[in-house]
C-alpha atoms as a PDB file:
ATOM      1  CA  MET A   1     -55.674  25.868  -5.061  1.00  0.00           C
ATOM      2  CA  VAL A   2     -55.807  22.125  -4.360  1.00  0.00           C
ATOM      3  CA  PHE A   3     -52.451  20.454  -3.690  1.00  0.00           C
ATOM      4  CA  PHE A   4     -53.735  16.911  -3.214  1.00  0.00           C
ATOM      5  CA  LYS A   5     -56.963  14.961  -3.143  1.00  0.00           C
ATOM      6  CA  VAL A   6     -58.114  13.941   0.322  1.00  0.00           C
ATOM      7  CA  GLU A   7     -60.731  11.273   0.722  1.00  0.00           C
ATOM      8  CA  SER A   8     -62.721  13.338   3.204  1.00  0.00           C
ATOM      9  CA  TRP A   9     -64.644  10.395   4.575  1.00  0.00           C
ATOM     10  CA  THR A  10     -61.406   8.758   5.701  1.00  0.00           C
ATOM     11  CA  GLY A  11     -58.787  11.523   5.921  1.00  0.00           C
ATOM     12  CA  ARG A  12     -56.396   9.531   3.766  1.00  0.00           C
ATOM     13  CA  VAL A  13     -54.395  10.759   0.792  1.00  0.00           C
ATOM     14  CA  LEU A  14     -52.041   9.096  -1.684  1.00  0.00           C
ATOM     15  CA  LEU A  15     -48.534  10.131  -0.597  1.00  0.00           C
ATOM     16  CA  ARG A  16     -47.188  10.738  -4.096  1.00  0.00           C
ATOM     17  CA  ASP A  17     -50.104  13.138  -4.763  1.00  0.00           C
ATOM     18  CA  VAL A  18     -48.980  15.446  -1.926  1.00  0.00           C
ATOM     19  CA  GLN A  19     -47.273  18.385  -3.620  1.00  0.00           C
ATOM     20  CA  VAL A  20     -46.475  20.642  -0.635  1.00  0.00           C
ATOM     21  CA  LEU A  21     -46.100  20.157   3.112  1.00  0.00           C
ATOM     22  CA  THR A  22     -46.073  23.197   5.383  1.00  0.00           C
ATOM     23  CA  LEU A  23     -44.790  22.256   8.839  1.00  0.00           C
ATOM     24  CA  TYR A  24     -44.948  24.539  11.890  1.00  0.00           C
ATOM     25  CA  GLN A  25     -42.681  24.456  14.931  1.00  0.00           C
ATOM     26  CA  GLY A  26     -44.528  23.484  18.107  1.00  0.00           C
ATOM     27  CA  ARG A  27     -47.159  21.343  16.386  1.00  0.00           C
ATOM     28  CA  CYS A  28     -47.509  17.576  16.461  1.00  0.00           C
ATOM     29  CA  THR A  29     -48.501  15.095  13.795  1.00  0.00           C
ATOM     30  CA  ASN A  30     -51.959  13.588  13.484  1.00  0.00           C
ATOM     31  CA  SER A  31     -52.001   9.893  14.218  1.00  0.00           C
ATOM     32  CA  ARG A  32     -54.315   6.914  14.311  1.00  0.00           C
ATOM     33  CA  ARG A  33     -51.953   3.955  14.732  1.00  0.00           C
ATOM     34  CA  THR A  34     -48.936   5.530  16.474  1.00  0.00           C
ATOM     35  CA  SER A  35     -48.274   8.297  18.993  1.00  0.00           C
ATOM     36  CA  PRO A  36     -48.095  11.893  17.715  1.00  0.00           C
ATOM     37  CA  VAL A  37     -44.612  13.399  17.357  1.00  0.00           C
ATOM     38  CA  PRO A  38     -43.407  16.971  16.758  1.00  0.00           C
ATOM     39  CA  VAL A  39     -43.660  17.844  13.052  1.00  0.00           C
ATOM     40  CA  LEU A  40     -40.172  19.400  13.139  1.00  0.00           C
ATOM     41  CA  GLN A  41     -37.330  17.536  14.828  1.00  0.00           C
ATOM     42  CA  CYS A  42     -33.658  18.501  14.655  1.00  0.00           C
ATOM     43  CA  VAL A  43     -31.341  15.529  15.245  1.00  0.00           C
ATOM     44  CA  GLY A  44     -27.933  17.236  15.204  1.00  0.00           C
ATOM     45  CA  GLY A  45     -25.548  18.147  12.423  1.00  0.00           C
ATOM     46  CA  THR A  46     -22.401  20.270  12.329  1.00  0.00           C
ATOM     47  CA  ALA A  47     -24.330  23.290  13.681  1.00  0.00           C
ATOM     48  CA  GLY A  48     -26.129  21.274  16.319  1.00  0.00           C
ATOM     49  CA  CYS A  49     -29.691  22.430  16.787  1.00  0.00           C
ATOM     50  CA  VAL A  50     -28.891  26.080  17.501  1.00  0.00           C
ATOM     51  CA  PHE A  51     -31.509  27.344  15.031  1.00  0.00           C
ATOM     52  CA  VAL A  52     -35.147  26.289  15.264  1.00  0.00           C
ATOM     53  CA  PRO A  53     -37.229  27.175  12.199  1.00  0.00           C
ATOM     54  CA  ARG A  54     -40.740  28.474  12.816  1.00  0.00           C
ATOM     55  CA  VAL A  55     -42.039  27.067   9.548  1.00  0.00           C
ATOM     56  CA  VAL A  56     -40.611  24.728   6.914  1.00  0.00           C
ATOM     57  CA  GLN A  57     -42.078  24.096   3.493  1.00  0.00           C
ATOM     58  CA  CYS A  58     -41.274  20.837   1.721  1.00  0.00           C
ATOM     59  CA  LEU A  59     -41.948  20.430  -1.995  1.00  0.00           C
ATOM     60  CA  ASN A  60     -42.527  17.150  -3.785  1.00  0.00           C
ATOM     61  CA  LYS A  61     -39.768  17.039  -6.415  1.00  0.00           C
ATOM     62  CA  GLY A  62     -40.826  13.713  -7.876  1.00  0.00           C
ATOM     63  CA  TRP A  63     -41.452  10.057  -7.270  1.00  0.00           C
ATOM     64  CA  ASN A  64     -38.633   7.515  -7.608  1.00  0.00           C
ATOM     65  CA  GLY A  65     -40.958   4.516  -7.693  1.00  0.00           C
ATOM     66  CA  VAL A  66     -40.517   3.899  -3.974  1.00  0.00           C
ATOM     67  CA  ASP A  67     -40.812   7.257  -2.238  1.00  0.00           C
ATOM     68  CA  VAL A  68     -41.340  10.969  -2.770  1.00  0.00           C
ATOM     69  CA  GLN A  69     -38.168  13.028  -3.182  1.00  0.00           C
ATOM     70  CA  TRP A  70     -38.563  16.143  -1.006  1.00  0.00           C
ATOM     71  CA  GLU A  71     -36.867  19.539  -1.071  1.00  0.00           C
ATOM     72  CA  CYS A  72     -37.352  21.466   2.180  1.00  0.00           C
ATOM     73  CA  LYS A  73     -36.783  25.185   2.691  1.00  0.00           C
ATOM     74  CA  THR A  74     -37.056  27.701   5.502  1.00  0.00           C
ATOM     75  CA  ASP A  75     -35.934  31.237   6.230  1.00  0.00           C
ATOM     76  CA  MET A  76     -32.652  30.962   8.114  1.00  0.00           C
ATOM     77  CA  ASP A  77     -29.349  32.749   8.424  1.00  0.00           C
ATOM     78  CA  GLN A  78     -26.998  31.995   5.501  1.00  0.00           C
ATOM     79  CA  LYS A  79     -24.501  30.401   7.876  1.00  0.00           C
ATOM     80  CA  TYR A  80     -26.847  27.398   8.274  1.00  0.00           C
ATOM     81  CA  ARG A  81     -28.319  24.887   5.867  1.00  0.00           C
ATOM     82  CA  PHE A  82     -30.290  21.685   6.108  1.00  0.00           C
ATOM     83  CA  GLY A  83     -28.107  18.593   5.981  1.00  0.00           C
ATOM     84  CA  ARG A  84     -30.026  15.322   5.952  1.00  0.00           C
ATOM     85  CA  ILE A  85     -33.787  15.640   5.664  1.00  0.00           C
ATOM     86  CA  GLU A  86     -36.290  12.859   6.123  1.00  0.00           C
ATOM     87  CA  VAL A  87     -40.016  13.354   5.709  1.00  0.00           C
ATOM     88  CA  SER A  88     -42.035  10.621   7.390  1.00  0.00           C
ATOM     89  CA  CYS A  89     -45.781  10.108   7.236  1.00  0.00           C
ATOM     90  CA  GLU A  90     -48.033   7.549   8.916  1.00  0.00           C
ATOM     91  CA  GLY A  91     -49.358   4.912   6.546  1.00  0.00           C
ATOM     92  CA  TYR A  92     -53.133   4.909   6.781  1.00  0.00           C
ATOM     93  CA  HIS A  93     -53.758   1.180   7.312  1.00  0.00           C
ATOM     94  CA  TYR A  94     -50.218  -0.199   7.756  1.00  0.00           C
ATOM     95  CA  PRO A  95     -46.656   1.215   7.908  1.00  0.00           C
ATOM     96  CA  ILE A  96     -45.864   1.144   4.167  1.00  0.00           C
ATOM     97  CA  ASP A  97     -49.387   1.934   2.949  1.00  0.00           C
ATOM     98  CA  PRO A  98     -49.133   4.223  -0.124  1.00  0.00           C
ATOM     99  CA  TYR A  99     -52.024   6.150   1.421  1.00  0.00           C
ATOM    100  CA  ILE A 100     -51.179   8.300   4.429  1.00  0.00           C
ATOM    101  CA  LEU A 101     -53.191   9.939   7.178  1.00  0.00           C
ATOM    102  CA  LYS A 102     -53.766  13.620   6.431  1.00  0.00           C
ATOM    103  CA  GLY A 103     -51.631  15.754   8.770  1.00  0.00           C
ATOM    104  CA  SER A 104     -49.387  12.873   9.812  1.00  0.00           C
ATOM    105  CA  CYS A 105     -46.188  14.023   8.103  1.00  0.00           C
ATOM    106  CA  GLY A 106     -43.187  15.325   9.976  1.00  0.00           C
ATOM    107  CA  LEU A 107     -39.632  16.347   9.146  1.00  0.00           C
ATOM    108  CA  GLU A 108     -36.515  15.042  10.860  1.00  0.00           C
ATOM    109  CA  TYR A 109     -33.430  17.018   9.845  1.00  0.00           C
ATOM    110  CA  THR A 110     -29.841  17.856  10.631  1.00  0.00           C
ATOM    111  CA  LEU A 111     -28.626  21.436  10.697  1.00  0.00           C
ATOM    112  CA  ASP A 112     -25.189  22.044   9.207  1.00  0.00           C
ATOM    113  CA  LEU A 113     -22.879  25.019   9.006  1.00  0.00           C
ATOM    114  CA  ALA A 114     -22.812  26.350   5.447  1.00  0.00           C
ATOM    115  CA  ALA A 115     -19.456  26.550   3.684  1.00  0.00           C
ATOM    116  CA  THR A 116     -17.980  30.037   3.915  1.00  0.00           C
ATOM    117  CA  GLY A 117     -15.880  31.882   1.359  1.00  0.00           C
ATOM    118  CA  THR A 118     -17.419  30.215  -1.674  1.00  0.00           C
END
């Protein structure tokens, strides 16, 4: 199954064509213009960063004319949920290039306590 078309001679792909991102804890992004960063980064939230997912899958839920709208999921205890999520990818030639470097996407997220008793 092909999720997006990669121009194999360059390693670039049109961001809005990316349908699924699978991100693994402990790995870093690919880069050509910036320094690599961890693909999964917790930046707080009401639960702090007490849970570290081993793998997160983000699905492209549509294009709003400016950016892809992502929905990210992982297996975690029901007492936690993702709060803010932000998928960032390295533009291939320049920061806001609609083409990105394959493997350059990462997820920055907050981890919140889920509401109980609902």
